Amino acid sequence: MIKTKVNYFSFPFGMYNKFIIEKGTELGYQAMFTTDTKTNDPEADNIILHRWSVKRNISNKNFSDIITKKSALKRKIFFSGLKNAVRNSIGRKYSDKLNIFIDSITKKQI
């Protein structure tokens, strides 16, 4: 439709499965992006590249800590994995509501 080759694909909402990866590879995408909070290994195949969403409410200090301190990075990865597990267990609709509630409590404590 756009009459140009598309080399990259971003999974809607960062969600994907084995079937989608296989189809994307068949279609010739050089890389596909997700929002999994993981690091990318320079030694790996890297057809799947992990990106992190940076929300508007993240402070400069928190952002700086995540990209410079290993402990902050590990904490970010842990809590992101926990949120994904909850989302997969109770569904996106209820998971989003829970995250909004948790964010509102966290902001009040800061």
N, C-alpha and C. Protein backbone atom coordinates (compact mmCIF):
# COMPACT_ATOMS: atom_id res chain seq x y z
N MET A 1 0.81 -1.19 0.00
CA MET A 1 0.00 0.00 0.00
C MET A 1 0.86 1.27 0.00
N ILE A 2 1.97 1.25 0.73
CA ILE A 2 2.79 2.46 0.80
C ILE A 2 3.91 2.46 -0.25
N LYS A 3 3.99 1.37 -0.99
CA LYS A 3 4.94 1.23 -2.08
C LYS A 3 6.40 1.44 -1.67
N THR A 4 6.69 1.02 -0.48
CA THR A 4 8.08 1.05 -0.01
C THR A 4 8.29 -0.14 0.92
N LYS A 5 9.49 -0.66 0.94
CA LYS A 5 9.78 -1.82 1.77
C LYS A 5 9.85 -1.40 3.24
N VAL A 6 9.23 -2.18 4.08
CA VAL A 6 9.25 -1.92 5.52
C VAL A 6 10.17 -2.97 6.15
N ASN A 7 11.21 -2.51 6.83
CA ASN A 7 12.21 -3.42 7.40
C ASN A 7 11.99 -3.73 8.87
N TYR A 8 11.18 -2.91 9.55
CA TYR A 8 11.01 -3.06 10.99
C TYR A 8 9.54 -3.05 11.36
N PHE A 9 9.24 -3.73 12.45
CA PHE A 9 7.85 -3.86 12.89
C PHE A 9 7.81 -3.71 14.40
N SER A 10 6.87 -2.94 14.89
CA SER A 10 6.68 -2.78 16.33
C SER A 10 5.38 -3.48 16.70
N PHE A 11 5.46 -4.42 17.64
CA PHE A 11 4.27 -5.16 18.05
C PHE A 11 3.28 -4.23 18.74
N PRO A 12 2.01 -4.23 18.34
CA PRO A 12 1.02 -3.40 19.02
C PRO A 12 0.96 -3.76 20.51
N PHE A 13 1.04 -2.76 21.33
CA PHE A 13 1.07 -2.92 22.80
C PHE A 13 2.25 -3.78 23.25
N GLY A 14 3.22 -4.00 22.37
CA GLY A 14 4.40 -4.79 22.72
C GLY A 14 4.12 -6.28 22.82
N MET A 15 2.94 -6.72 22.43
CA MET A 15 2.54 -8.11 22.63
C MET A 15 2.81 -8.94 21.38
N TYR A 16 3.36 -10.11 21.60
CA TYR A 16 3.70 -11.00 20.49
C TYR A 16 3.73 -12.44 20.97
N ASN A 17 3.81 -13.35 20.01
CA ASN A 17 3.96 -14.77 20.33
C ASN A 17 4.82 -15.41 19.23
N LYS A 18 5.06 -16.69 19.35
CA LYS A 18 5.92 -17.40 18.41
C LYS A 18 5.39 -17.31 16.97
N PHE A 19 4.09 -17.44 16.80
CA PHE A 19 3.47 -17.37 15.47
C PHE A 19 3.75 -16.02 14.81
N ILE A 20 3.58 -14.94 15.56
CA ILE A 20 3.80 -13.60 15.00
C ILE A 20 5.27 -13.40 14.64
N ILE A 21 6.16 -13.91 15.46
CA ILE A 21 7.60 -13.81 15.15
C ILE A 21 7.91 -14.56 13.86
N GLU A 22 7.36 -15.77 13.72
CA GLU A 22 7.59 -16.56 12.50
C GLU A 22 7.06 -15.82 11.27
N LYS A 23 5.86 -15.26 11.36
CA LYS A 23 5.27 -14.54 10.22
C LYS A 23 6.08 -13.29 9.89
N GLY A 24 6.53 -12.57 10.91
CA GLY A 24 7.34 -11.38 10.68
C GLY A 24 8.65 -11.72 10.00
N THR A 25 9.24 -12.83 10.40
CA THR A 25 10.49 -13.28 9.78
C THR A 25 10.23 -13.66 8.32
N GLU A 26 9.13 -14.38 8.08
CA GLU A 26 8.77 -14.76 6.70
C GLU A 26 8.55 -13.52 5.82
N LEU A 27 8.00 -12.47 6.39
CA LEU A 27 7.74 -11.24 5.64
C LEU A 27 9.01 -10.41 5.42
N GLY A 28 10.10 -10.83 6.04
CA GLY A 28 11.38 -10.19 5.80
C GLY A 28 11.76 -9.04 6.71
N TYR A 29 11.06 -8.90 7.84
CA TYR A 29 11.45 -7.84 8.77
C TYR A 29 12.85 -8.12 9.30
N GLN A 30 13.67 -7.08 9.35
CA GLN A 30 15.03 -7.21 9.88
C GLN A 30 15.02 -7.28 11.40
N ALA A 31 14.06 -6.60 12.01
CA ALA A 31 13.91 -6.63 13.46
C ALA A 31 12.47 -6.30 13.81
N MET A 32 12.05 -6.81 14.97
CA MET A 32 10.71 -6.54 15.48
C MET A 32 10.87 -6.06 16.92
N PHE A 33 10.11 -5.03 17.28
CA PHE A 33 10.27 -4.37 18.57
C PHE A 33 9.12 -4.70 19.51
N THR A 34 9.49 -4.93 20.76
CA THR A 34 8.51 -5.14 21.81
C THR A 34 8.78 -4.17 22.94
N THR A 35 7.90 -4.14 23.91
CA THR A 35 8.11 -3.28 25.08
C THR A 35 8.50 -4.11 26.30
N ASP A 36 8.98 -5.32 26.08
CA ASP A 36 9.49 -6.13 27.19
C ASP A 36 10.63 -5.38 27.85
N THR A 37 10.59 -5.27 29.16
CA THR A 37 11.67 -4.61 29.87
C THR A 37 12.79 -5.63 30.08
N LYS A 38 13.59 -5.76 29.08
CA LYS A 38 14.75 -6.65 29.11
C LYS A 38 15.88 -5.91 28.42
N THR A 39 17.08 -6.44 28.56
CA THR A 39 18.20 -5.84 27.85
C THR A 39 18.42 -6.61 26.55
N ASN A 40 19.01 -5.97 25.58
CA ASN A 40 19.33 -6.61 24.31
C ASN A 40 20.77 -7.09 24.36
N ASP A 41 20.98 -8.33 23.96
CA ASP A 41 22.31 -8.94 23.98
C ASP A 41 22.98 -8.71 22.63
N PRO A 42 24.10 -7.99 22.62
CA PRO A 42 24.77 -7.73 21.34
C PRO A 42 25.23 -9.00 20.62
N GLU A 43 25.38 -10.10 21.35
CA GLU A 43 25.82 -11.37 20.77
C GLU A 43 24.66 -12.18 20.19
N ALA A 44 23.43 -11.82 20.52
CA ALA A 44 22.26 -12.60 20.11
C ALA A 44 21.82 -12.24 18.69
N ASP A 45 20.88 -13.02 18.16
CA ASP A 45 20.32 -12.83 16.82
C ASP A 45 19.67 -11.45 16.69
N ASN A 46 18.97 -11.03 17.73
CA ASN A 46 18.33 -9.72 17.81
C ASN A 46 17.28 -9.45 16.75
N ILE A 47 16.55 -10.47 16.33
CA ILE A 47 15.38 -10.22 15.50
C ILE A 47 14.30 -9.54 16.36
N ILE A 48 14.30 -9.89 17.66
CA ILE A 48 13.41 -9.25 18.62
C ILE A 48 14.25 -8.26 19.43
N LEU A 49 13.87 -6.99 19.38
CA LEU A 49 14.58 -5.98 20.15
C LEU A 49 13.64 -5.42 21.21
N HIS A 50 14.15 -5.37 22.42
CA HIS A 50 13.36 -4.90 23.56
C HIS A 50 13.54 -3.39 23.71
N ARG A 51 12.42 -2.70 23.85
CA ARG A 51 12.44 -1.27 24.11
C ARG A 51 11.66 -0.99 25.38
N TRP A 52 12.02 0.04 26.05
CA TRP A 52 11.32 0.42 27.27
C TRP A 52 10.53 1.68 27.02
N SER A 53 9.32 1.67 27.49
CA SER A 53 8.55 2.91 27.38
C SER A 53 8.96 3.81 28.54
N VAL A 54 9.18 5.05 28.21
CA VAL A 54 9.51 6.06 29.21
C VAL A 54 8.27 6.93 29.37
N LYS A 55 7.63 6.78 30.50
CA LYS A 55 6.37 7.50 30.74
C LYS A 55 6.66 8.95 31.13
N ARG A 56 5.66 9.79 30.95
CA ARG A 56 5.85 11.22 31.24
C ARG A 56 6.07 11.50 32.71
N ASN A 57 5.67 10.59 33.59
CA ASN A 57 5.81 10.85 35.02
C ASN A 57 7.14 10.35 35.61
N ILE A 58 8.04 9.84 34.78
CA ILE A 58 9.33 9.39 35.30
C ILE A 58 10.21 10.61 35.57
N SER A 59 10.83 10.61 36.72
CA SER A 59 11.70 11.74 37.05
C SER A 59 13.05 11.58 36.35
N ASN A 60 13.75 12.69 36.21
CA ASN A 60 15.08 12.63 35.61
C ASN A 60 16.00 11.73 36.42
N LYS A 61 15.87 11.77 37.75
CA LYS A 61 16.72 10.93 38.61
C LYS A 61 16.43 9.45 38.38
N ASN A 62 15.14 9.08 38.35
CA ASN A 62 14.80 7.67 38.12
C ASN A 62 15.30 7.21 36.75
N PHE A 63 15.12 8.04 35.74
CA PHE A 63 15.59 7.69 34.40
C PHE A 63 17.11 7.52 34.41
N SER A 64 17.80 8.46 35.02
CA SER A 64 19.26 8.39 35.09
C SER A 64 19.71 7.13 35.84
N ASP A 65 19.03 6.83 36.96
CA ASP A 65 19.38 5.62 37.73
C ASP A 65 19.21 4.36 36.89
N ILE A 66 18.13 4.28 36.13
CA ILE A 66 17.85 3.08 35.33
C ILE A 66 18.95 2.85 34.29
N ILE A 67 19.44 3.92 33.69
CA ILE A 67 20.42 3.72 32.62
C ILE A 67 21.86 3.71 33.13
N THR A 68 22.08 4.04 34.42
CA THR A 68 23.46 4.07 34.91
C THR A 68 23.75 3.12 36.07
N LYS A 69 22.73 2.69 36.80
CA LYS A 69 22.95 1.86 37.98
C LYS A 69 22.36 0.47 37.77
N LYS A 70 23.20 -0.53 37.96
CA LYS A 70 22.77 -1.91 37.75
C LYS A 70 21.61 -2.30 38.67
N SER A 71 21.64 -1.85 39.93
CA SER A 71 20.57 -2.21 40.87
C SER A 71 19.23 -1.63 40.43
N ALA A 72 19.23 -0.40 39.94
CA ALA A 72 17.98 0.22 39.46
C ALA A 72 17.48 -0.51 38.21
N LEU A 73 18.40 -0.91 37.35
CA LEU A 73 18.03 -1.66 36.15
C LEU A 73 17.39 -2.99 36.53
N LYS A 74 18.01 -3.71 37.46
CA LYS A 74 17.45 -5.00 37.90
C LYS A 74 16.07 -4.81 38.52
N ARG A 75 15.89 -3.75 39.32
CA ARG A 75 14.60 -3.47 39.94
C ARG A 75 13.55 -3.18 38.86
N LYS A 76 13.91 -2.38 37.85
CA LYS A 76 13.00 -2.05 36.75
C LYS A 76 12.57 -3.32 36.02
N ILE A 77 13.52 -4.19 35.73
CA ILE A 77 13.23 -5.44 35.02
C ILE A 77 12.34 -6.34 35.88
N PHE A 78 12.63 -6.43 37.18
CA PHE A 78 11.83 -7.27 38.07
C PHE A 78 10.37 -6.81 38.11
N PHE A 79 10.16 -5.51 38.37
CA PHE A 79 8.79 -5.01 38.49
C PHE A 79 8.05 -5.04 37.15
N SER A 80 8.76 -4.85 36.07
CA SER A 80 8.12 -4.96 34.77
C SER A 80 7.66 -6.39 34.52
N GLY A 81 8.49 -7.36 34.87
CA GLY A 81 8.11 -8.77 34.74
C GLY A 81 6.91 -9.11 35.60
N LEU A 82 6.89 -8.55 36.80
CA LEU A 82 5.76 -8.76 37.71
C LEU A 82 4.48 -8.18 37.12
N LYS A 83 4.56 -6.96 36.57
CA LYS A 83 3.38 -6.35 35.94
C LYS A 83 2.90 -7.19 34.76
N ASN A 84 3.83 -7.71 33.97
CA ASN A 84 3.44 -8.54 32.82
C ASN A 84 2.76 -9.82 33.28
N ALA A 85 3.26 -10.42 34.35
CA ALA A 85 2.65 -11.65 34.87
C ALA A 85 1.23 -11.37 35.36
N VAL A 86 1.05 -10.25 36.04
CA VAL A 86 -0.29 -9.88 36.51
C VAL A 86 -1.20 -9.64 35.31
N ARG A 87 -0.70 -8.89 34.31
CA ARG A 87 -1.51 -8.61 33.11
C ARG A 87 -1.94 -9.91 32.44
N ASN A 88 -1.02 -10.85 32.33
CA ASN A 88 -1.34 -12.12 31.68
C ASN A 88 -2.32 -12.94 32.51
N SER A 89 -2.31 -12.76 33.83
CA SER A 89 -3.19 -13.52 34.72
C SER A 89 -4.61 -12.96 34.77
N ILE A 90 -4.71 -11.63 34.90
CA ILE A 90 -6.04 -11.04 35.11
C ILE A 90 -6.56 -10.28 33.90
N GLY A 91 -5.76 -10.16 32.86
CA GLY A 91 -6.19 -9.45 31.66
C GLY A 91 -5.77 -8.00 31.65
N ARG A 92 -5.65 -7.44 30.47
CA ARG A 92 -5.13 -6.08 30.31
C ARG A 92 -6.05 -5.04 30.96
N LYS A 93 -7.36 -5.18 30.81
CA LYS A 93 -8.30 -4.18 31.34
C LYS A 93 -8.13 -4.01 32.84
N TYR A 94 -8.14 -5.11 33.58
CA TYR A 94 -8.02 -5.03 35.03
C TYR A 94 -6.59 -4.70 35.46
N SER A 95 -5.64 -5.16 34.70
CA SER A 95 -4.24 -4.86 34.99
C SER A 95 -3.98 -3.36 34.87
N ASP A 96 -4.52 -2.73 33.84
CA ASP A 96 -4.35 -1.29 33.66
C ASP A 96 -4.98 -0.52 34.82
N LYS A 97 -6.15 -0.94 35.26
CA LYS A 97 -6.81 -0.29 36.40
C LYS A 97 -5.97 -0.45 37.66
N LEU A 98 -5.41 -1.63 37.86
CA LEU A 98 -4.56 -1.88 39.03
C LEU A 98 -3.32 -1.00 38.99
N ASN A 99 -2.70 -0.87 37.83
CA ASN A 99 -1.50 -0.03 37.70
C ASN A 99 -1.82 1.44 37.99
N ILE A 100 -2.96 1.92 37.53
CA ILE A 100 -3.37 3.31 37.80
C ILE A 100 -3.54 3.50 39.30
N PHE A 101 -4.16 2.54 39.95
CA PHE A 101 -4.37 2.61 41.40
C PHE A 101 -3.02 2.62 42.13
N ILE A 102 -2.13 1.73 41.76
CA ILE A 102 -0.81 1.65 42.41
C ILE A 102 -0.03 2.95 42.18
N ASP A 103 -0.08 3.47 40.97
CA ASP A 103 0.60 4.74 40.68
C ASP A 103 0.06 5.87 41.53
N SER A 104 -1.26 5.90 41.75
CA SER A 104 -1.85 6.98 42.56
C SER A 104 -1.40 6.88 44.02
N ILE A 105 -1.26 5.67 44.53
CA ILE A 105 -0.78 5.49 45.91
C ILE A 105 0.68 5.88 46.01
N THR A 106 1.47 5.45 45.05
CA THR A 106 2.91 5.75 45.06
C THR A 106 3.16 7.24 45.02
N LYS A 107 2.42 7.96 44.19
CA LYS A 107 2.62 9.42 44.08
C LYS A 107 2.28 10.12 45.38
N LYS A 108 1.28 9.62 46.11
CA LYS A 108 0.89 10.24 47.38
C LYS A 108 1.98 10.05 48.44
N GLN A 109 2.73 8.95 48.34
CA GLN A 109 3.75 8.67 49.35
C GLN A 109 5.04 9.42 49.10
N ILE A 110 5.24 9.91 47.90
CA ILE A 110 6.50 10.59 47.57
C ILE A 110 6.50 12.03 48.06
